[in-house]
């Protein structure tokens, strides 16, 4: 039974990570109906932000290094939130009401982020900065008389093309210097490791002689704390009430003077920030790499479908269910804990006792469940659903 309890605790911690990621995705999907396939890559960005913060704290000494992880959590939230707001303002906002185009666009963004993490270097960053500065300044100082012309949008596009060319020239010029240290990729395609601070290592007590790993308990408490924060924000704050109003009826909210564009940006930023925190939590469970997002995005969508779109209670229950099933069934611990189970049951458990096959079992469970509850455990309510 000790093994089962350990795997149960692992499942709850996995479910907590899924909860962090799926909560943001559920809020975004429930409000805007946007299927964001780049959400997993935002988790990856949060993981790499944690890695960078760790490296910045290493030269400061052992005592200060122990404080890096809380700083990394805050940095991961705000950096990924900024990326999410930028993505919403520049791309997704132009594709509202076009789910197929949004799906393909966010999939393209996910590929770009993966390759960016693999290849990013100092010349690339300088080239991107040059492109952004030239493009923004050229469009801002464009005479108003030209902006009013019908061809203004085409001219703006041409300006950005020229800015991109200048950025590529800058990258080529710096790369041509031949400085290996300057041209070396910051991260590369290999996985990276994050060292947990000492106060997270080891155990945090025991229950009935069973030790409680500090990292697992911390992830569970972090998930619960952020969930309470999101619940408070949605129910008590002004912007939370506006988000709920827009979720219920966007057209009426717009008529009542609620700035729906700002609501969309804030919602997308919060959802992306939660994904970044989830990525920071994943770094405590093992090494991470550019393909981190692909391992979690499907599970996040399964949580949303099973729990009900935009419902926090359903998201919590579905996250824990999937995490526990994946941990207990996928690890095969039931065979060790209950060696005398019937042969038929043992054969079934053994068949699904791998990580990949545990996903198959979860899919079978969800398909069967949706036959009876096609809208999830806690379906979304409101006039927007009836429309």
Protein backbone atom coordinates (compact mmCIF):
# COMPACT_ATOMS: atom_id res chain seq x y z
CA UNK A 1 0.00 0.00 0.00
CA UNK A 2 2.96 2.31 0.57
CA UNK A 3 3.81 2.06 -3.14
CA UNK A 4 0.22 2.88 -4.12
CA UNK A 5 0.18 5.89 -1.79
CA UNK A 6 3.46 7.12 -3.29
CA UNK A 7 2.11 6.78 -6.81
CA UNK A 8 -1.12 8.47 -5.68
CA UNK A 9 0.91 11.41 -4.42
CA UNK A 10 2.81 11.50 -7.72
CA UNK A 11 -0.51 11.45 -9.56
CA UNK A 12 -1.83 14.38 -7.53
CA UNK A 13 1.34 16.36 -8.26
CA UNK A 14 1.04 15.57 -12.00
CA UNK A 15 -2.61 16.56 -11.79
CA UNK A 16 -1.57 19.81 -10.10
CA UNK A 17 0.73 20.66 -13.01
CA UNK A 18 -2.08 19.83 -15.44
CA UNK A 19 -4.38 22.02 -13.35
CA UNK A 20 -2.02 24.99 -13.61
CA UNK A 21 -1.76 24.65 -17.38
CA UNK A 22 -5.37 23.67 -18.06
CA UNK A 23 -6.83 26.47 -15.91
CA UNK A 24 -5.34 29.11 -18.18
CA UNK A 25 -6.36 27.20 -21.28
CA UNK A 26 -9.89 26.71 -19.93
CA UNK A 27 -10.28 30.43 -19.21
CA UNK A 28 -9.07 31.40 -22.69
CA UNK A 29 -11.10 28.75 -24.49
CA UNK A 30 -14.20 29.45 -22.41
CA UNK A 31 -14.06 33.19 -23.00
CA UNK A 32 -12.86 33.54 -26.57
CA UNK A 33 -13.43 30.10 -28.06
CA UNK A 34 -9.79 30.08 -29.17
CA UNK A 35 -8.09 26.68 -29.51
CA UNK A 36 -4.54 27.74 -28.66
CA UNK A 37 -2.17 24.99 -29.78
CA UNK A 38 0.78 27.14 -28.67
CA UNK A 39 -0.27 26.85 -25.01
CA UNK A 40 2.15 23.96 -24.45
CA UNK A 41 5.00 26.03 -25.88
CA UNK A 42 4.14 28.81 -23.41
CA UNK A 43 4.78 26.21 -20.70
CA UNK A 44 8.14 25.57 -22.36
CA UNK A 45 8.92 29.30 -22.27
CA UNK A 46 8.15 29.36 -18.54
CA UNK A 47 10.51 26.41 -18.00
CA UNK A 48 13.34 28.15 -19.85
CA UNK A 49 12.74 31.39 -17.95
CA UNK A 50 13.24 29.36 -14.75
CA UNK A 51 16.49 27.99 -16.17
CA UNK A 52 17.72 31.50 -17.01
CA UNK A 53 16.84 32.87 -13.56
CA UNK A 54 18.67 29.94 -11.98
CA UNK A 55 21.82 30.75 -13.95
CA UNK A 56 21.57 34.44 -13.02
CA UNK A 57 21.45 33.56 -9.31
CA UNK A 58 24.30 31.03 -9.36
CA UNK A 59 27.14 33.63 -9.24
CA UNK A 60 25.47 35.41 -6.29
CA UNK A 61 26.40 32.77 -3.74
CA UNK A 62 24.71 29.81 -2.09
CA UNK A 63 22.51 31.80 0.28
CA UNK A 64 20.96 33.95 -2.45
CA UNK A 65 20.74 30.98 -4.81
CA UNK A 66 18.22 29.39 -2.42
CA UNK A 67 15.86 32.29 -3.19
CA UNK A 68 15.94 31.97 -6.97
CA UNK A 69 12.87 29.78 -7.39
CA UNK A 70 10.22 32.23 -6.07
CA UNK A 71 11.76 34.86 -8.34
CA UNK A 72 11.66 32.38 -11.23
CA UNK A 73 7.95 31.71 -10.63
CA UNK A 74 7.14 35.42 -10.81
CA UNK A 75 9.38 35.93 -13.84
CA UNK A 76 7.86 32.91 -15.63
CA UNK A 77 4.35 34.27 -15.06
CA UNK A 78 5.06 37.78 -16.33
CA UNK A 79 7.26 36.78 -19.28
CA UNK A 80 4.76 34.24 -20.61
CA UNK A 81 1.88 36.63 -19.88
CA UNK A 82 3.65 39.26 -21.99
CA UNK A 83 4.17 36.73 -24.79
CA UNK A 84 0.50 35.79 -24.59
CA UNK A 85 -0.70 39.41 -24.75
CA UNK A 86 1.61 40.05 -27.71
CA UNK A 87 0.26 36.95 -29.45
CA UNK A 88 -3.34 38.01 -28.82
CA UNK A 89 -2.86 41.59 -30.01
CA UNK A 90 -0.87 40.77 -33.15
CA UNK A 91 -2.40 37.53 -34.41
CA UNK A 92 -5.36 36.01 -32.59
CA UNK A 93 -7.37 39.24 -32.44
CA UNK A 94 -7.49 39.26 -36.23
CA UNK A 95 -8.83 35.69 -36.35
CA UNK A 96 -11.77 35.77 -33.91
CA UNK A 97 -14.73 33.81 -35.23
CA UNK A 98 -12.46 31.77 -37.53
CA UNK A 99 -11.60 28.66 -35.49
CA UNK A 100 -9.83 26.74 -38.25
CA UNK A 101 -7.53 29.66 -39.10
CA UNK A 102 -6.83 30.23 -35.39
CA UNK A 103 -6.01 26.56 -34.93
CA UNK A 104 -3.52 26.58 -37.81
CA UNK A 105 -2.03 29.94 -36.79
CA UNK A 106 -1.37 28.92 -33.19
CA UNK A 107 0.08 25.62 -34.40
CA UNK A 108 2.47 27.66 -36.55
CA UNK A 109 3.33 29.82 -33.53
CA UNK A 110 4.12 26.68 -31.53
CA UNK A 111 6.57 25.51 -34.22
CA UNK A 112 8.18 28.96 -34.30
CA UNK A 113 8.64 28.99 -30.53
CA UNK A 114 10.15 25.49 -30.56
CA UNK A 115 12.66 26.42 -33.26
CA UNK A 116 13.36 29.78 -31.59
CA UNK A 117 14.36 28.06 -28.34
CA UNK A 118 16.58 25.65 -30.26
CA UNK A 119 18.33 28.32 -32.33
CA UNK A 120 18.18 31.58 -30.34
CA UNK A 121 21.53 33.34 -30.10
CA UNK A 122 22.82 36.86 -29.53
CA UNK A 123 22.85 37.80 -33.26
CA UNK A 124 19.26 36.54 -33.64
CA UNK A 125 18.05 38.59 -30.67
CA UNK A 126 19.79 41.71 -31.98
CA UNK A 127 18.26 41.16 -35.43
CA UNK A 128 14.76 40.77 -33.95
CA UNK A 129 15.22 43.97 -31.91
CA UNK A 130 16.38 45.87 -35.02
CA UNK A 131 13.36 44.60 -36.99
CA UNK A 132 10.93 45.60 -34.24
CA UNK A 133 12.42 49.06 -33.70
CA UNK A 134 12.60 49.94 -37.41
CA UNK A 135 9.11 48.60 -38.13
CA UNK A 136 7.44 50.35 -35.17
CA UNK A 137 9.18 53.69 -35.67
CA UNK A 138 8.63 53.73 -39.45
CA UNK A 139 4.90 53.05 -39.05
CA UNK A 140 4.52 55.53 -36.19
CA UNK A 141 6.17 58.44 -37.99
CA UNK A 142 4.39 57.76 -41.26
CA UNK A 143 2.57 60.99 -42.27
CA UNK A 144 -1.12 61.03 -41.40
CA UNK A 145 -2.03 61.94 -44.96
CA UNK A 146 -0.47 58.68 -46.16
CA UNK A 147 -2.11 56.63 -43.37
CA UNK A 148 -5.51 57.83 -44.61
CA UNK A 149 -4.90 56.50 -48.13
CA UNK A 150 -6.46 53.17 -49.23
CA UNK A 151 -3.04 51.63 -49.80
CA UNK A 152 -1.84 52.40 -46.24
CA UNK A 153 -2.21 48.80 -45.03
CA UNK A 154 -0.14 47.52 -47.96
CA UNK A 155 2.51 50.15 -47.26
CA UNK A 156 2.63 49.09 -43.61
CA UNK A 157 3.18 45.51 -44.69
CA UNK A 158 5.96 46.62 -47.04
CA UNK A 159 7.61 48.52 -44.18
CA UNK A 160 7.64 45.40 -42.04
CA UNK A 161 9.12 43.38 -44.91
CA UNK A 162 11.93 45.94 -45.28
CA UNK A 163 12.44 45.89 -41.49
CA UNK A 164 12.72 42.09 -41.57
CA UNK A 165 15.30 42.30 -44.37
CA UNK A 166 17.33 44.77 -42.29
CA UNK A 167 17.06 42.36 -39.35
CA UNK A 168 18.38 39.48 -41.47
CA UNK A 169 21.24 41.67 -42.72
CA UNK A 170 22.09 42.52 -39.10
CA UNK A 171 22.11 38.84 -38.13
CA UNK A 172 24.33 37.94 -41.10
CA UNK A 173 26.73 40.78 -40.35
CA UNK A 174 27.18 39.80 -36.70
CA UNK A 175 27.43 36.09 -37.55
CA UNK A 176 30.10 36.91 -40.16
CA UNK A 177 32.40 38.18 -37.44
CA UNK A 178 33.15 34.56 -36.63
CA UNK A 179 33.07 34.88 -32.85
CA UNK A 180 32.06 31.41 -31.63
CA UNK A 181 31.01 32.59 -28.19
CA UNK A 182 28.82 35.28 -29.75
CA UNK A 183 27.23 32.96 -32.31
CA UNK A 184 26.70 30.02 -29.95
CA UNK A 185 23.01 29.15 -29.35
CA UNK A 186 21.85 29.99 -25.86
CA UNK A 187 20.05 26.70 -25.21
CA UNK A 188 20.33 24.35 -28.20
CA UNK A 189 18.19 21.28 -28.91
CA UNK A 190 19.25 19.30 -25.83
CA UNK A 191 17.30 19.09 -22.61
CA UNK A 192 18.24 21.34 -19.71
CA UNK A 193 18.25 20.64 -15.98
CA UNK A 194 17.10 22.91 -13.20
CA UNK A 195 18.49 22.36 -9.71
CA UNK A 196 15.86 22.65 -7.01
CA UNK A 197 16.87 24.77 -4.00
CA UNK A 198 17.76 22.83 -0.86
CA UNK A 199 14.57 23.79 0.94
CA UNK A 200 12.61 21.90 -1.75
CA UNK A 201 14.81 18.82 -1.70
CA UNK A 202 14.30 15.92 0.66
CA UNK A 203 11.09 15.21 2.54
CA UNK A 204 8.60 17.44 4.33
CA UNK A 205 7.51 15.03 7.05
CA UNK A 206 5.69 11.71 6.82
CA UNK A 207 2.23 10.16 7.17
CA UNK A 208 1.98 6.65 8.69
CA UNK A 209 5.67 6.13 8.01
CA UNK A 210 5.35 7.23 4.36
CA UNK A 211 7.67 10.11 3.49
CA UNK A 212 6.28 13.19 1.72
CA UNK A 213 8.65 14.49 -0.99
CA UNK A 214 9.11 18.24 -0.66
CA UNK A 215 8.91 18.94 -4.40
CA UNK A 216 5.61 17.09 -4.82
CA UNK A 217 4.02 18.76 -1.80
CA UNK A 218 5.24 22.18 -2.96
CA UNK A 219 3.72 21.70 -6.43
CA UNK A 220 0.39 20.69 -4.88
CA UNK A 221 0.36 23.73 -2.58
CA UNK A 222 1.42 26.03 -5.44
CA UNK A 223 -1.41 24.75 -7.61
CA UNK A 224 -3.96 25.18 -4.80
CA UNK A 225 -2.72 28.70 -4.05
CA UNK A 226 -2.90 29.84 -7.66
CA UNK A 227 -6.32 28.23 -8.10
CA UNK A 228 -7.61 30.20 -5.10
CA UNK A 229 -6.05 33.33 -6.60
CA UNK A 230 -7.75 32.77 -9.95
CA UNK A 231 -11.09 32.04 -8.25
CA UNK A 232 -10.80 35.24 -6.20
CA UNK A 233 -9.84 37.25 -9.29
CA UNK A 234 -12.79 35.97 -11.31
CA UNK A 235 -15.38 36.43 -8.55
CA UNK A 236 -14.22 39.49 -6.57
CA UNK A 237 -12.16 41.80 -8.78
CA UNK A 238 -13.57 44.30 -11.27
CA UNK A 239 -11.77 42.77 -14.23
CA UNK A 240 -12.81 39.31 -13.09
CA UNK A 241 -16.46 40.32 -13.16
CA UNK A 242 -15.93 41.80 -16.60
CA UNK A 243 -14.37 38.54 -17.79
CA UNK A 244 -17.35 36.58 -16.48
CA UNK A 245 -19.75 39.01 -18.13
CA UNK A 246 -18.01 38.69 -21.50
CA UNK A 247 -17.99 34.90 -21.11
CA UNK A 248 -21.75 34.89 -20.57
CA UNK A 249 -22.67 37.34 -23.34
CA UNK A 250 -20.04 39.20 -25.34
CA UNK A 251 -22.47 41.32 -27.40
CA UNK A 252 -24.39 42.58 -24.36
CA UNK A 253 -21.16 43.29 -22.47
CA UNK A 254 -19.92 45.35 -25.40
CA UNK A 255 -23.19 47.30 -25.45
CA UNK A 256 -22.86 48.02 -21.71
CA UNK A 257 -19.46 49.63 -22.22
CA UNK A 258 -17.19 46.79 -21.10
CA UNK A 259 -13.93 47.02 -23.09
CA UNK A 260 -14.03 43.54 -24.57
CA UNK A 261 -10.69 43.99 -26.38
CA UNK A 262 -8.95 44.72 -23.07
CA UNK A 263 -10.77 41.81 -21.45
CA UNK A 264 -9.48 39.50 -24.19
CA UNK A 265 -5.89 40.70 -23.73
CA UNK A 266 -6.00 40.39 -19.93
CA UNK A 267 -7.59 36.96 -20.12
CA UNK A 268 -5.05 35.71 -22.62
CA UNK A 269 -2.24 37.17 -20.53
CA UNK A 270 -3.47 35.46 -17.34
CA UNK A 271 -3.95 32.14 -19.13
CA UNK A 272 -0.48 32.34 -20.65
CA UNK A 273 1.04 33.34 -17.31
CA UNK A 274 -0.45 30.28 -15.63
CA UNK A 275 1.07 28.14 -18.38
CA UNK A 276 4.45 29.72 -17.59
CA UNK A 277 4.09 28.86 -13.89
CA UNK A 278 3.19 25.29 -14.89
CA UNK A 279 6.38 25.15 -16.97
CA UNK A 280 8.38 26.39 -13.97
CA UNK A 281 6.82 23.62 -11.84
CA UNK A 282 7.68 20.97 -14.45
CA UNK A 283 11.38 21.84 -14.14
CA UNK A 284 11.28 20.42 -10.61
CA UNK A 285 10.10 17.03 -11.89
CA UNK A 286 12.87 16.40 -14.42
CA UNK A 287 14.80 17.78 -17.36
CA UNK A 288 12.95 19.85 -19.94
CA UNK A 289 13.54 20.58 -23.61
CA UNK A 290 12.09 22.34 -26.66
CA UNK A 291 9.48 19.60 -27.13
CA UNK A 292 8.06 19.99 -23.64
CA UNK A 293 4.75 21.44 -24.84
CA UNK A 294 3.82 18.45 -26.98
CA UNK A 295 3.80 16.21 -23.91
CA UNK A 296 1.21 18.33 -22.08
CA UNK A 297 -1.02 20.10 -24.61
CA UNK A 298 -3.12 17.01 -25.36
CA UNK A 299 -3.60 16.32 -21.65
CA UNK A 300 -4.67 19.93 -21.08
CA UNK A 301 -7.35 19.70 -23.75
CA UNK A 302 -8.51 16.36 -22.31
CA UNK A 303 -8.92 18.08 -18.92
CA UNK A 304 -11.04 20.84 -20.49
CA UNK A 305 -13.24 18.42 -22.43
CA UNK A 306 -13.77 16.16 -19.42
CA UNK A 307 -14.31 18.89 -16.84
CA UNK A 308 -16.41 21.27 -18.93
CA UNK A 309 -15.27 24.34 -20.83
CA UNK A 310 -14.38 27.27 -18.58
CA UNK A 311 -15.44 25.59 -15.30
CA UNK A 312 -12.81 25.71 -12.53
CA UNK A 313 -14.37 22.94 -10.42
CA UNK A 314 -14.54 20.61 -13.42
CA UNK A 315 -10.95 21.50 -14.32
CA UNK A 316 -9.76 20.59 -10.81
CA UNK A 317 -11.57 17.24 -10.74
CA UNK A 318 -10.56 16.27 -14.29
CA UNK A 319 -6.90 17.23 -13.70
CA UNK A 320 -6.66 15.09 -10.58
CA UNK A 321 -8.45 12.16 -12.22
CA UNK A 322 -6.14 12.13 -15.24
CA UNK A 323 -3.01 12.64 -13.14
CA UNK A 324 -3.87 9.78 -10.78
CA UNK A 325 -4.86 7.40 -13.60
CA UNK A 326 -1.67 8.17 -15.49
CA UNK A 327 0.52 7.68 -12.39
CA UNK A 328 -1.05 4.59 -10.82
CA UNK A 329 -1.98 2.68 -13.99
CA UNK A 330 1.02 3.77 -16.08
CA UNK A 331 3.56 2.83 -13.42
CA UNK A 332 2.18 -0.69 -12.93
CA UNK A 333 2.24 -0.26 -9.14
CA UNK A 334 -1.11 -2.01 -8.80
CA UNK A 335 0.50 -5.28 -9.89
CA UNK A 336 3.07 -4.97 -7.10
CA UNK A 337 0.62 -3.77 -4.44
CA UNK A 338 -2.00 -6.42 -5.26
CA UNK A 339 -0.15 -9.51 -6.51
CA UNK A 340 -3.15 -11.77 -5.82
CA UNK A 341 -5.63 -9.98 -8.07
CA UNK A 342 -7.55 -12.15 -10.58
CA UNK A 343 -5.62 -13.12 -13.69
CA UNK A 344 -7.99 -11.29 -16.03
CA UNK A 345 -7.68 -8.05 -14.05
CA UNK A 346 -3.90 -8.50 -13.80
CA UNK A 347 -3.66 -8.97 -17.57
CA UNK A 348 -5.65 -5.79 -18.19
CA UNK A 349 -3.53 -3.77 -15.72
CA UNK A 350 -0.31 -5.16 -17.21
CA UNK A 351 -1.45 -4.27 -20.74
CA UNK A 352 -1.93 -0.60 -19.77
CA UNK A 353 1.10 -0.45 -17.45
CA UNK A 354 3.16 1.94 -19.59
CA UNK A 355 3.02 5.70 -20.02
CA UNK A 356 1.80 5.53 -23.62
CA UNK A 357 -0.82 2.86 -22.92
CA UNK A 358 -2.06 4.77 -19.88
CA UNK A 359 -2.90 7.60 -22.28
CA UNK A 360 -4.85 5.10 -24.38
CA UNK A 361 -6.80 4.08 -21.28
CA UNK A 362 -7.53 7.74 -20.50
CA UNK A 363 -8.79 8.29 -24.06
CA UNK A 364 -11.05 5.25 -23.78
CA UNK A 365 -12.39 6.53 -20.47
CA UNK A 366 -13.08 10.01 -21.89
CA UNK A 367 -14.78 8.63 -25.01
CA UNK A 368 -17.02 6.44 -22.86
CA UNK A 369 -17.77 9.31 -20.48
CA UNK A 370 -18.69 11.70 -23.29
CA UNK A 371 -21.29 9.26 -24.54
CA UNK A 372 -23.31 10.09 -21.42
CA UNK A 373 -22.10 13.66 -20.73
CA UNK A 374 -21.04 15.17 -24.08
CA UNK A 375 -20.57 18.65 -22.55
CA UNK A 376 -18.33 17.44 -19.72
CA UNK A 377 -18.93 17.07 -16.00
CA UNK A 378 -19.78 20.74 -15.49
CA UNK A 379 -21.04 22.21 -18.78
CA UNK A 380 -20.82 25.93 -19.43
CA UNK A 381 -24.02 27.88 -18.80
CA UNK A 382 -25.28 31.18 -20.10
CA UNK A 383 -26.86 32.82 -23.10
CA UNK A 384 -23.69 32.41 -25.14
CA UNK A 385 -24.16 28.65 -24.96
CA UNK A 386 -27.76 28.87 -26.07
CA UNK A 387 -26.92 31.12 -29.02
